[in-house]
Amino acid sequence: MSDYNKPIIVISKCLGFDNCKHDGSIENNEFIEKLKKYVKVIPICPEIECGLQIHHSKLRIVENNNKEELLIPNEDLNLTQEMHDFSNKFLNKLTNVDGFILKSKSPICALKDAKVYDTLEKGCAIKREHGFFTKEIIKHYPYIPIEDEHRLNNFKIREHFLSRIFILSDFRLIKKSFNFESLKSFHLKNTLLFLSY
């Protein structure tokens, strides 16, 4: 596996790169640790990029009148606009990317399991959905693979994710070369994989 193009992957910084979770901890991940050798990583922590300190109260998504806001209840802070602005600025500058691995259950980065509440008070979540940053990723990159660290524990999901990021990485170079023979070779090399999907 020495002759290949390294995929470019954006990964939540708290997944083994920095102690930047809201409580100052880090979450080491065996799969990501192994993956680092084979990809180019862009680590990102949207919370820190929005100006929050590492030690801060938990963020909460609150839905009111069908509008969702990103709040820090204990500090009476509304980060909705800051997160929206940061996400768009970061994603607009991201010229090449082949995949995302994000922190599960985070109100910022969750893929499908960010809790949404109808009040700032303690209580049960009314639903679960994408985090604020993840929503913007999906708008900007609807066809790029996005996973979280928990889903990647599933062998089939992990295999599918890896197949996609390496194929997209190869195709990105082919597009750049604008060479028909390279495109033909790419399709011939991957015919069986494409048929299997």
N, C-alpha and C. Protein backbone atom coordinates (compact mmCIF):
# COMPACT_ATOMS: atom_id res chain seq x y z
N MET A 1 0.83 -1.20 0.00
CA MET A 1 0.00 0.00 0.00
C MET A 1 0.86 1.26 0.00
N SER A 2 2.03 1.18 -0.61
CA SER A 2 2.94 2.32 -0.60
C SER A 2 2.64 3.31 -1.71
N ASP A 3 2.03 2.83 -2.82
CA ASP A 3 1.79 3.68 -3.98
C ASP A 3 0.31 4.06 -4.04
N TYR A 4 -0.06 5.09 -3.29
CA TYR A 4 -1.44 5.53 -3.30
C TYR A 4 -1.50 7.00 -2.90
N ASN A 5 -2.61 7.62 -3.24
CA ASN A 5 -2.84 9.01 -2.92
C ASN A 5 -3.54 9.10 -1.56
N LYS A 6 -2.98 9.84 -0.63
CA LYS A 6 -3.56 9.91 0.71
C LYS A 6 -4.84 10.75 0.71
N PRO A 7 -5.94 10.18 1.22
CA PRO A 7 -7.17 10.97 1.36
C PRO A 7 -6.99 12.09 2.38
N ILE A 8 -7.73 13.17 2.18
CA ILE A 8 -7.72 14.29 3.11
C ILE A 8 -8.98 14.18 3.97
N ILE A 9 -8.78 14.04 5.29
CA ILE A 9 -9.89 13.79 6.20
C ILE A 9 -9.93 14.86 7.28
N VAL A 10 -11.09 15.46 7.48
CA VAL A 10 -11.30 16.38 8.60
C VAL A 10 -11.79 15.55 9.78
N ILE A 11 -11.10 15.69 10.93
CA ILE A 11 -11.44 14.90 12.11
C ILE A 11 -11.60 15.81 13.32
N SER A 12 -12.61 15.54 14.12
CA SER A 12 -12.80 16.30 15.36
C SER A 12 -11.53 16.21 16.21
N LYS A 13 -11.03 17.35 16.62
CA LYS A 13 -9.73 17.43 17.31
C LYS A 13 -9.71 16.66 18.63
N CYS A 14 -10.88 16.53 19.28
CA CYS A 14 -10.94 15.84 20.58
C CYS A 14 -10.76 14.34 20.44
N LEU A 15 -10.79 13.81 19.22
CA LEU A 15 -10.64 12.37 19.00
C LEU A 15 -9.16 12.00 18.82
N GLY A 16 -8.40 12.26 19.87
CA GLY A 16 -7.00 11.83 19.87
C GLY A 16 -5.98 12.86 19.49
N PHE A 17 -6.39 14.12 19.26
CA PHE A 17 -5.44 15.14 18.82
C PHE A 17 -5.16 16.20 19.89
N ASP A 18 -6.17 16.52 20.71
CA ASP A 18 -5.99 17.59 21.69
C ASP A 18 -7.01 17.43 22.82
N ASN A 19 -6.63 17.89 24.01
CA ASN A 19 -7.53 17.88 25.17
C ASN A 19 -8.48 19.07 25.07
N CYS A 20 -9.46 18.97 24.17
CA CYS A 20 -10.30 20.14 23.92
C CYS A 20 -11.79 19.88 24.13
N LYS A 21 -12.16 18.75 24.74
CA LYS A 21 -13.56 18.56 25.08
C LYS A 21 -13.95 19.59 26.14
N HIS A 22 -15.24 19.82 26.32
CA HIS A 22 -15.69 20.90 27.21
C HIS A 22 -15.14 20.75 28.64
N ASP A 23 -14.82 19.49 29.03
CA ASP A 23 -14.27 19.27 30.37
C ASP A 23 -12.74 19.16 30.38
N GLY A 24 -12.12 19.47 29.24
CA GLY A 24 -10.66 19.45 29.15
C GLY A 24 -10.07 18.08 28.89
N SER A 25 -10.90 17.12 28.54
CA SER A 25 -10.40 15.75 28.30
C SER A 25 -10.19 15.50 26.81
N ILE A 26 -9.63 14.34 26.52
CA ILE A 26 -9.40 13.89 25.15
C ILE A 26 -9.95 12.48 25.04
N GLU A 27 -10.40 12.10 23.85
CA GLU A 27 -10.93 10.75 23.65
C GLU A 27 -10.07 10.04 22.61
N ASN A 28 -9.20 9.16 23.09
CA ASN A 28 -8.34 8.43 22.17
C ASN A 28 -9.14 7.35 21.46
N ASN A 29 -8.83 7.16 20.18
CA ASN A 29 -9.59 6.22 19.37
C ASN A 29 -8.62 5.34 18.59
N GLU A 30 -8.72 4.05 18.78
CA GLU A 30 -7.77 3.11 18.18
C GLU A 30 -7.80 3.15 16.65
N PHE A 31 -9.00 3.20 16.08
CA PHE A 31 -9.12 3.21 14.62
C PHE A 31 -8.49 4.48 14.03
N ILE A 32 -8.80 5.63 14.62
CA ILE A 32 -8.25 6.90 14.12
C ILE A 32 -6.74 6.92 14.26
N GLU A 33 -6.24 6.38 15.36
CA GLU A 33 -4.79 6.32 15.58
C GLU A 33 -4.11 5.53 14.45
N LYS A 34 -4.71 4.41 14.05
CA LYS A 34 -4.16 3.61 12.96
C LYS A 34 -4.32 4.32 11.61
N LEU A 35 -5.45 4.98 11.44
CA LEU A 35 -5.75 5.65 10.17
C LEU A 35 -4.79 6.80 9.87
N LYS A 36 -4.29 7.47 10.91
CA LYS A 36 -3.42 8.64 10.75
C LYS A 36 -2.26 8.40 9.79
N LYS A 37 -1.73 7.18 9.75
CA LYS A 37 -0.57 6.87 8.90
C LYS A 37 -0.93 6.90 7.41
N TYR A 38 -2.21 6.72 7.09
CA TYR A 38 -2.61 6.53 5.70
C TYR A 38 -3.40 7.69 5.11
N VAL A 39 -3.65 8.73 5.91
CA VAL A 39 -4.42 9.87 5.42
C VAL A 39 -3.75 11.17 5.84
N LYS A 40 -4.16 12.26 5.20
CA LYS A 40 -3.77 13.60 5.65
C LYS A 40 -4.91 14.11 6.52
N VAL A 41 -4.59 14.47 7.75
CA VAL A 41 -5.62 14.86 8.71
C VAL A 41 -5.69 16.37 8.87
N ILE A 42 -6.92 16.89 8.86
CA ILE A 42 -7.17 18.28 9.24
C ILE A 42 -7.98 18.22 10.53
N PRO A 43 -7.31 18.37 11.70
CA PRO A 43 -8.05 18.33 12.97
C PRO A 43 -8.74 19.67 13.22
N ILE A 44 -9.97 19.61 13.73
CA ILE A 44 -10.73 20.84 13.95
C ILE A 44 -11.59 20.72 15.20
N CYS A 45 -11.64 21.80 15.97
CA CYS A 45 -12.57 21.89 17.11
C CYS A 45 -13.39 23.16 16.92
N PRO A 46 -14.59 23.05 16.37
CA PRO A 46 -15.40 24.25 16.13
C PRO A 46 -15.68 25.08 17.38
N GLU A 47 -15.82 24.43 18.53
CA GLU A 47 -16.10 25.16 19.77
C GLU A 47 -14.95 26.12 20.11
N ILE A 48 -13.71 25.60 20.04
CA ILE A 48 -12.54 26.43 20.34
C ILE A 48 -12.39 27.52 19.28
N GLU A 49 -12.65 27.17 18.02
CA GLU A 49 -12.53 28.15 16.93
C GLU A 49 -13.55 29.27 17.07
N CYS A 50 -14.66 28.99 17.77
CA CYS A 50 -15.67 30.03 18.00
C CYS A 50 -15.35 30.89 19.23
N GLY A 51 -14.22 30.60 19.87
CA GLY A 51 -13.79 31.45 20.98
C GLY A 51 -14.06 30.91 22.37
N LEU A 52 -14.62 29.70 22.47
CA LEU A 52 -14.86 29.13 23.79
C LEU A 52 -13.56 28.64 24.42
N GLN A 53 -13.48 28.75 25.74
CA GLN A 53 -12.35 28.17 26.46
C GLN A 53 -12.53 26.66 26.50
N ILE A 54 -11.45 25.92 26.75
CA ILE A 54 -11.56 24.46 26.80
C ILE A 54 -12.50 24.03 27.92
N HIS A 55 -12.37 24.61 29.09
CA HIS A 55 -13.28 24.28 30.18
C HIS A 55 -14.49 25.22 30.11
N HIS A 56 -15.61 24.69 29.69
CA HIS A 56 -16.84 25.50 29.63
C HIS A 56 -18.04 24.59 29.89
N SER A 57 -19.15 25.21 30.20
CA SER A 57 -20.38 24.45 30.43
C SER A 57 -20.83 23.80 29.13
N LYS A 58 -21.63 22.75 29.27
CA LYS A 58 -22.10 22.03 28.09
C LYS A 58 -23.01 22.89 27.24
N LEU A 59 -22.83 22.74 25.92
CA LEU A 59 -23.71 23.41 24.97
C LEU A 59 -25.02 22.64 24.86
N ARG A 60 -26.07 23.34 24.47
CA ARG A 60 -27.37 22.70 24.33
C ARG A 60 -28.09 23.27 23.11
N ILE A 61 -28.67 22.38 22.30
CA ILE A 61 -29.52 22.82 21.19
C ILE A 61 -30.94 22.94 21.72
N VAL A 62 -31.50 24.14 21.58
CA VAL A 62 -32.86 24.38 22.04
C VAL A 62 -33.72 24.80 20.86
N GLU A 63 -34.84 24.11 20.69
CA GLU A 63 -35.77 24.44 19.60
C GLU A 63 -36.94 25.23 20.16
N ASN A 64 -37.17 26.39 19.55
CA ASN A 64 -38.27 27.25 19.97
C ASN A 64 -38.93 27.82 18.72
N ASN A 65 -40.23 27.62 18.57
CA ASN A 65 -40.96 28.08 17.37
C ASN A 65 -40.30 27.59 16.08
N ASN A 66 -39.95 26.31 16.07
CA ASN A 66 -39.33 25.65 14.90
C ASN A 66 -37.97 26.23 14.52
N LYS A 67 -37.36 26.96 15.43
CA LYS A 67 -36.02 27.51 15.18
C LYS A 67 -35.07 26.95 16.23
N GLU A 68 -33.93 26.46 15.78
CA GLU A 68 -32.96 25.88 16.71
C GLU A 68 -31.85 26.87 17.02
N GLU A 69 -31.47 26.91 18.29
CA GLU A 69 -30.39 27.78 18.72
C GLU A 69 -29.37 26.98 19.52
N LEU A 70 -28.12 27.41 19.46
CA LEU A 70 -27.04 26.76 20.18
C LEU A 70 -26.70 27.63 21.40
N LEU A 71 -26.99 27.09 22.60
CA LEU A 71 -26.90 27.89 23.81
C LEU A 71 -26.01 27.25 24.86
N ILE A 72 -25.43 28.10 25.72
CA ILE A 72 -24.78 27.63 26.94
C ILE A 72 -25.65 28.14 28.10
N PRO A 73 -26.50 27.27 28.62
CA PRO A 73 -27.49 27.72 29.61
C PRO A 73 -26.88 28.40 30.83
N ASN A 74 -25.82 27.85 31.40
CA ASN A 74 -25.25 28.39 32.65
C ASN A 74 -24.61 29.76 32.45
N GLU A 75 -24.25 30.08 31.23
CA GLU A 75 -23.54 31.34 30.98
C GLU A 75 -24.38 32.33 30.17
N ASP A 76 -25.63 31.95 29.89
CA ASP A 76 -26.54 32.81 29.12
C ASP A 76 -25.90 33.27 27.80
N LEU A 77 -25.27 32.30 27.11
CA LEU A 77 -24.60 32.60 25.84
C LEU A 77 -25.33 31.94 24.69
N ASN A 78 -25.48 32.68 23.61
CA ASN A 78 -26.07 32.16 22.38
C ASN A 78 -24.98 32.15 21.31
N LEU A 79 -24.59 30.94 20.88
CA LEU A 79 -23.49 30.81 19.91
C LEU A 79 -23.99 30.45 18.51
N THR A 80 -25.28 30.58 18.27
CA THR A 80 -25.87 30.15 17.00
C THR A 80 -25.19 30.84 15.81
N GLN A 81 -25.12 32.16 15.84
CA GLN A 81 -24.56 32.89 14.71
C GLN A 81 -23.06 32.67 14.58
N GLU A 82 -22.34 32.63 15.73
CA GLU A 82 -20.89 32.39 15.69
C GLU A 82 -20.57 31.05 15.06
N MET A 83 -21.34 30.02 15.44
CA MET A 83 -21.08 28.68 14.89
C MET A 83 -21.42 28.65 13.40
N HIS A 84 -22.50 29.29 13.02
CA HIS A 84 -22.88 29.35 11.60
C HIS A 84 -21.78 30.05 10.79
N ASP A 85 -21.30 31.19 11.29
CA ASP A 85 -20.27 31.96 10.58
C ASP A 85 -18.96 31.17 10.48
N PHE A 86 -18.54 30.57 11.62
CA PHE A 86 -17.30 29.80 11.59
C PHE A 86 -17.41 28.64 10.60
N SER A 87 -18.51 27.89 10.67
CA SER A 87 -18.69 26.70 9.83
C SER A 87 -18.59 27.06 8.36
N ASN A 88 -19.26 28.12 7.96
CA ASN A 88 -19.23 28.53 6.56
C ASN A 88 -17.86 29.02 6.13
N LYS A 89 -17.21 29.77 7.00
CA LYS A 89 -15.86 30.27 6.68
C LYS A 89 -14.88 29.10 6.51
N PHE A 90 -14.93 28.16 7.46
CA PHE A 90 -14.02 27.01 7.40
C PHE A 90 -14.29 26.14 6.17
N LEU A 91 -15.55 25.84 5.93
CA LEU A 91 -15.89 24.93 4.82
C LEU A 91 -15.68 25.58 3.46
N ASN A 92 -15.87 26.89 3.37
CA ASN A 92 -15.62 27.59 2.10
C ASN A 92 -14.13 27.62 1.75
N LYS A 93 -13.27 27.60 2.77
CA LYS A 93 -11.82 27.60 2.54
C LYS A 93 -11.27 26.19 2.29
N LEU A 94 -12.08 25.19 2.58
CA LEU A 94 -11.64 23.80 2.46
C LEU A 94 -11.74 23.37 1.00
N THR A 95 -10.65 23.50 0.26
CA THR A 95 -10.71 23.25 -1.18
C THR A 95 -10.76 21.77 -1.52
N ASN A 96 -10.02 20.95 -0.79
CA ASN A 96 -10.00 19.50 -1.05
C ASN A 96 -10.30 18.74 0.23
N VAL A 97 -11.25 17.82 0.16
CA VAL A 97 -11.57 16.96 1.29
C VAL A 97 -12.21 15.69 0.77
N ASP A 98 -11.88 14.56 1.41
CA ASP A 98 -12.42 13.27 0.98
C ASP A 98 -13.31 12.61 2.03
N GLY A 99 -13.36 13.18 3.24
CA GLY A 99 -14.21 12.59 4.26
C GLY A 99 -14.10 13.33 5.58
N PHE A 100 -15.05 13.03 6.48
CA PHE A 100 -15.11 13.64 7.80
C PHE A 100 -15.33 12.55 8.84
N ILE A 101 -14.61 12.64 9.96
CA ILE A 101 -14.89 11.81 11.14
C ILE A 101 -15.15 12.76 12.29
N LEU A 102 -16.37 12.72 12.82
CA LEU A 102 -16.80 13.70 13.80
C LEU A 102 -17.15 13.06 15.13
N LYS A 103 -17.22 13.89 16.18
CA LYS A 103 -17.51 13.41 17.54
C LYS A 103 -19.00 13.13 17.69
N SER A 104 -19.32 11.91 18.07
CA SER A 104 -20.72 11.54 18.26
C SER A 104 -21.32 12.27 19.47
N LYS A 105 -22.63 12.43 19.43
CA LYS A 105 -23.44 12.98 20.53
C LYS A 105 -23.14 14.45 20.84
N SER A 106 -22.27 15.07 20.06
CA SER A 106 -21.93 16.47 20.30
C SER A 106 -22.98 17.38 19.65
N PRO A 107 -23.41 18.45 20.36
CA PRO A 107 -24.36 19.38 19.73
C PRO A 107 -23.76 20.12 18.54
N ILE A 108 -22.44 20.03 18.41
CA ILE A 108 -21.75 20.67 17.28
C ILE A 108 -21.50 19.66 16.16
N CYS A 109 -20.94 18.51 16.49
CA CYS A 109 -20.40 17.59 15.49
C CYS A 109 -21.18 16.28 15.31
N ALA A 110 -22.22 16.05 16.08
CA ALA A 110 -22.92 14.76 16.00
C ALA A 110 -23.44 14.51 14.59
N LEU A 111 -23.37 13.26 14.18
CA LEU A 111 -23.88 12.88 12.87
C LEU A 111 -25.40 12.72 12.90
N LYS A 112 -25.90 12.02 13.90
CA LYS A 112 -27.34 11.80 13.98
C LYS A 112 -27.89 11.85 15.40
N ASP A 113 -27.01 12.03 16.39
CA ASP A 113 -27.47 11.83 17.76
C ASP A 113 -27.24 13.04 18.69
N ALA A 114 -27.27 14.26 18.13
CA ALA A 114 -27.24 15.45 18.98
C ALA A 114 -28.62 15.63 19.61
N LYS A 115 -28.64 15.79 20.93
CA LYS A 115 -29.93 15.96 21.61
C LYS A 115 -30.46 17.37 21.39
N VAL A 116 -31.74 17.46 21.12
CA VAL A 116 -32.43 18.75 20.95
C VAL A 116 -33.48 18.86 22.05
N TYR A 117 -33.50 20.00 22.74
CA TYR A 117 -34.42 20.23 23.85
C TYR A 117 -35.40 21.34 23.48
N ASP A 118 -36.48 21.42 24.25
CA ASP A 118 -37.44 22.51 24.01
C ASP A 118 -37.35 23.58 25.10
N THR A 119 -36.35 23.43 25.98
CA THR A 119 -36.18 24.39 27.07
C THR A 119 -34.73 24.38 27.54
N LEU A 120 -34.33 25.45 28.21
CA LEU A 120 -33.00 25.52 28.82
C LEU A 120 -32.95 24.72 30.12
N GLU A 121 -34.11 24.48 30.71
CA GLU A 121 -34.17 23.76 31.97
C GLU A 121 -33.82 22.29 31.77
N LYS A 122 -33.48 21.61 32.87
CA LYS A 122 -33.20 20.18 32.79
C LYS A 122 -34.47 19.44 32.36
N GLY A 123 -34.27 18.42 31.56
CA GLY A 123 -35.41 17.64 31.08
C GLY A 123 -34.97 16.71 29.98
N CYS A 124 -35.94 15.99 29.42
CA CYS A 124 -35.64 15.03 28.36
C CYS A 124 -35.54 15.73 27.01
N ALA A 125 -34.70 15.16 26.14
CA ALA A 125 -34.59 15.67 24.78
C ALA A 125 -35.88 15.35 24.02
N ILE A 126 -36.25 16.23 23.09
CA ILE A 126 -37.45 15.99 22.29
C ILE A 126 -37.13 15.24 21.00
N LYS A 127 -35.86 15.27 20.58
CA LYS A 127 -35.44 14.53 19.39
C LYS A 127 -33.92 14.51 19.32
N ARG A 128 -33.40 13.78 18.35
CA ARG A 128 -31.95 13.74 18.09
C ARG A 128 -31.72 14.01 16.61
N GLU A 129 -30.67 14.72 16.30
CA GLU A 129 -30.38 15.03 14.90
C GLU A 129 -28.92 15.44 14.71
N HIS A 130 -28.61 16.06 13.55
CA HIS A 130 -27.25 16.51 13.25
C HIS A 130 -26.85 17.65 14.17
N GLY A 131 -25.53 17.71 14.49
CA GLY A 131 -25.01 18.86 15.19
C GLY A 131 -24.94 20.07 14.27
N PHE A 132 -24.70 21.25 14.83
CA PHE A 132 -24.70 22.50 14.05
C PHE A 132 -23.64 22.49 12.95
N PHE A 133 -22.42 22.07 13.28
CA PHE A 133 -21.34 22.03 12.29
C PHE A 133 -21.63 20.98 11.23
N THR A 134 -22.15 19.85 11.65
CA THR A 134 -22.45 18.75 10.72
C THR A 134 -23.49 19.17 9.68
N LYS A 135 -24.49 19.93 10.11
CA LYS A 135 -25.52 20.41 9.16
C LYS A 135 -24.89 21.22 8.04
N GLU A 136 -23.93 22.06 8.40
CA GLU A 136 -23.27 22.89 7.38
C GLU A 136 -22.38 22.03 6.47
N ILE A 137 -21.73 21.01 7.03
CA ILE A 137 -20.93 20.10 6.20
C ILE A 137 -21.81 19.45 5.14
N ILE A 138 -22.98 18.97 5.56
CA ILE A 138 -23.89 18.28 4.64
C ILE A 138 -24.36 19.22 3.53
N LYS A 139 -24.57 20.50 3.87
CA LYS A 139 -24.96 21.48 2.84
C LYS A 139 -23.83 21.70 1.84
N HIS A 140 -22.60 21.83 2.35
CA HIS A 140 -21.45 22.12 1.49
C HIS A 140 -20.97 20.88 0.73
N TYR A 141 -21.02 19.71 1.39
CA TYR A 141 -20.45 18.48 0.81
C TYR A 141 -21.45 17.32 0.92
N PRO A 142 -22.56 17.39 0.17
CA PRO A 142 -23.60 16.36 0.31
C PRO A 142 -23.17 14.96 -0.10
N TYR A 143 -22.09 14.84 -0.89
CA TYR A 143 -21.69 13.51 -1.39
C TYR A 143 -20.39 13.00 -0.78
N ILE A 144 -19.85 13.73 0.20
CA ILE A 144 -18.61 13.31 0.84
C ILE A 144 -18.96 12.46 2.07
N PRO A 145 -18.26 11.34 2.29
CA PRO A 145 -18.58 10.49 3.45
C PRO A 145 -18.32 11.17 4.79
N ILE A 146 -19.31 11.05 5.68
CA ILE A 146 -19.23 11.60 7.03
C ILE A 146 -19.58 10.47 8.00
N GLU A 147 -18.72 10.25 8.99
CA GLU A 147 -19.01 9.25 10.02
C GLU A 147 -18.61 9.79 11.38
N ASP A 148 -19.07 9.12 12.43
CA ASP A 148 -18.60 9.44 13.77
C ASP A 148 -17.83 8.25 14.32
N GLU A 149 -17.11 8.48 15.42
CA GLU A 149 -16.20 7.45 15.94
C GLU A 149 -16.94 6.20 16.42
N HIS A 150 -18.18 6.35 16.89
CA HIS A 150 -18.93 5.17 17.35
C HIS A 150 -19.40 4.31 16.19
N ARG A 151 -19.93 4.94 15.15
CA ARG A 151 -20.40 4.17 13.99
C ARG A 151 -19.25 3.42 13.32
N LEU A 152 -18.04 3.96 13.39
CA LEU A 152 -16.89 3.31 12.75
C LEU A 152 -16.42 2.07 13.50
N ASN A 153 -17.02 1.77 14.64
CA ASN A 153 -16.76 0.49 15.31
C ASN A 153 -17.43 -0.67 14.58
N ASN A 154 -18.42 -0.34 13.75
CA ASN A 154 -19.11 -1.35 12.96
C ASN A 154 -18.27 -1.68 11.73
N PHE A 155 -17.94 -2.96 11.55
CA PHE A 155 -17.03 -3.36 10.47
C PHE A 155 -17.53 -2.92 9.09
N LYS A 156 -18.81 -3.16 8.80
CA LYS A 156 -19.35 -2.83 7.47
C LYS A 156 -19.33 -1.33 7.22
N ILE A 157 -19.70 -0.55 8.22
CA ILE A 157 -19.69 0.91 8.08
C ILE A 157 -18.26 1.40 7.87
N ARG A 158 -17.34 0.84 8.65
CA ARG A 158 -15.92 1.23 8.55
C ARG A 158 -15.36 0.88 7.17
N GLU A 159 -15.65 -0.33 6.68
CA GLU A 159 -15.17 -0.75 5.36
C GLU A 159 -15.73 0.15 4.26
N HIS A 160 -17.01 0.47 4.36
CA HIS A 160 -17.64 1.34 3.37
C HIS A 160 -17.00 2.73 3.39
N PHE A 161 -16.76 3.27 4.58
CA PHE A 161 -16.14 4.58 4.72
C PHE A 161 -14.74 4.59 4.10
N LEU A 162 -13.94 3.57 4.41
CA LEU A 162 -12.58 3.51 3.88
C LEU A 162 -12.57 3.38 2.36
N SER A 163 -13.46 2.55 1.84
CA SER A 163 -13.56 2.40 0.37
C SER A 163 -13.85 3.74 -0.28
N ARG A 164 -14.79 4.46 0.28
CA ARG A 164 -15.21 5.73 -0.31
C ARG A 164 -14.10 6.78 -0.26
N ILE A 165 -13.41 6.91 0.90
CA ILE A 165 -12.41 7.99 0.99
C ILE A 165 -11.23 7.74 0.06
N PHE A 166 -10.83 6.47 -0.12
CA PHE A 166 -9.68 6.19 -0.99
C PHE A 166 -10.07 6.33 -2.47
N ILE A 167 -11.30 5.93 -2.81
CA ILE A 167 -11.77 6.12 -4.19
C ILE A 167 -11.90 7.61 -4.51
N LEU A 168 -12.50 8.36 -3.59
CA LEU A 168 -12.65 9.81 -3.82
C LEU A 168 -11.30 10.51 -3.93
N SER A 169 -10.36 10.07 -3.14
CA SER A 169 -9.02 10.66 -3.20
C SER A 169 -8.37 10.41 -4.56
N ASP A 170 -8.48 9.18 -5.06
CA ASP A 170 -7.96 8.87 -6.39
C ASP A 170 -8.67 9.69 -7.47
N PHE A 171 -9.99 9.75 -7.36
CA PHE A 171 -10.77 10.46 -8.38
C PHE A 171 -10.47 11.96 -8.37
N ARG A 172 -10.18 12.51 -7.19
CA ARG A 172 -9.83 13.93 -7.09
C ARG A 172 -8.60 14.24 -7.94
N LEU A 173 -7.60 13.34 -7.91
CA LEU A 173 -6.39 13.53 -8.72
C LEU A 173 -6.67 13.36 -10.20
N ILE A 174 -7.53 12.39 -10.52
CA ILE A 174 -7.88 12.17 -11.92
C ILE A 174 -8.56 13.40 -12.50
N LYS A 175 -9.51 13.96 -11.74
CA LYS A 175 -10.21 15.17 -12.20
C LYS A 175 -9.22 16.31 -12.45
N LYS A 176 -8.26 16.41 -11.53
CA LYS A 176 -7.28 17.49 -11.63
C LYS A 176 -6.42 17.33 -12.89
N SER A 177 -6.09 16.08 -13.22
CA SER A 177 -5.24 15.83 -14.39
C SER A 177 -5.96 16.09 -15.70
N PHE A 178 -7.30 15.94 -15.68
CA PHE A 178 -8.12 16.15 -16.87
C PHE A 178 -7.63 15.30 -18.05
N ASN A 179 -7.26 14.04 -17.73
CA ASN A 179 -6.68 13.15 -18.72
C ASN A 179 -7.59 11.94 -18.93
N PHE A 180 -8.02 11.73 -20.18
CA PHE A 180 -8.98 10.66 -20.46
C PHE A 180 -8.40 9.28 -20.16
N GLU A 181 -7.14 9.05 -20.50
CA GLU A 181 -6.54 7.74 -20.26
C GLU A 181 -6.46 7.43 -18.77
N SER A 182 -6.19 8.44 -17.97
CA SER A 182 -6.17 8.26 -16.51
C SER A 182 -7.55 7.92 -15.98
N LEU A 183 -8.55 8.57 -16.55
CA LEU A 183 -9.94 8.29 -16.15
C LEU A 183 -10.34 6.87 -16.52
N LYS A 184 -9.96 6.48 -17.72
CA LYS A 184 -10.26 5.11 -18.19
C LYS A 184 -9.57 4.07 -17.29
N SER A 185 -8.32 4.31 -16.97
CA SER A 185 -7.56 3.41 -16.10
C SER A 185 -8.20 3.33 -14.71
N PHE A 186 -8.65 4.47 -14.21
CA PHE A 186 -9.31 4.53 -12.90
C PHE A 186 -10.57 3.65 -12.89
N HIS A 187 -11.36 3.75 -13.94
CA HIS A 187 -12.59 2.94 -14.03
C HIS A 187 -12.28 1.46 -14.18
N LEU A 188 -11.30 1.14 -14.97
CA LEU A 188 -10.93 -0.28 -15.15
C LEU A 188 -10.44 -0.88 -13.83
N LYS A 189 -9.63 -0.11 -13.11
CA LYS A 189 -9.08 -0.59 -11.84
C LYS A 189 -10.17 -0.84 -10.80
N ASN A 190 -11.26 -0.05 -10.88
CA ASN A 190 -12.28 -0.10 -9.84
C ASN A 190 -13.62 -0.70 -10.30
N THR A 191 -13.62 -1.33 -11.47
CA THR A 191 -14.88 -1.86 -12.03
C THR A 191 -15.61 -2.76 -11.06
N LEU A 192 -14.92 -3.74 -10.48
CA LEU A 192 -15.57 -4.69 -9.59
C LEU A 192 -16.10 -4.02 -8.33
N LEU A 193 -15.35 -3.06 -7.83
CA LEU A 193 -15.81 -2.34 -6.65
C LEU A 193 -17.09 -1.57 -6.94
N PHE A 194 -17.10 -0.89 -8.10
CA PHE A 194 -18.29 -0.12 -8.48
C PHE A 194 -19.49 -1.05 -8.68
N LEU A 195 -19.27 -2.20 -9.31
CA LEU A 195 -20.35 -3.16 -9.52
C LEU A 195 -20.88 -3.70 -8.19
N SER A 196 -20.01 -3.89 -7.23
CA SER A 196 -20.44 -4.42 -5.93
C SER A 196 -21.31 -3.43 -5.18
N TYR A 197 -21.12 -2.14 -5.46
CA TYR A 197 -21.96 -1.12 -4.83
C TYR A 197 -23.24 -0.87 -5.62
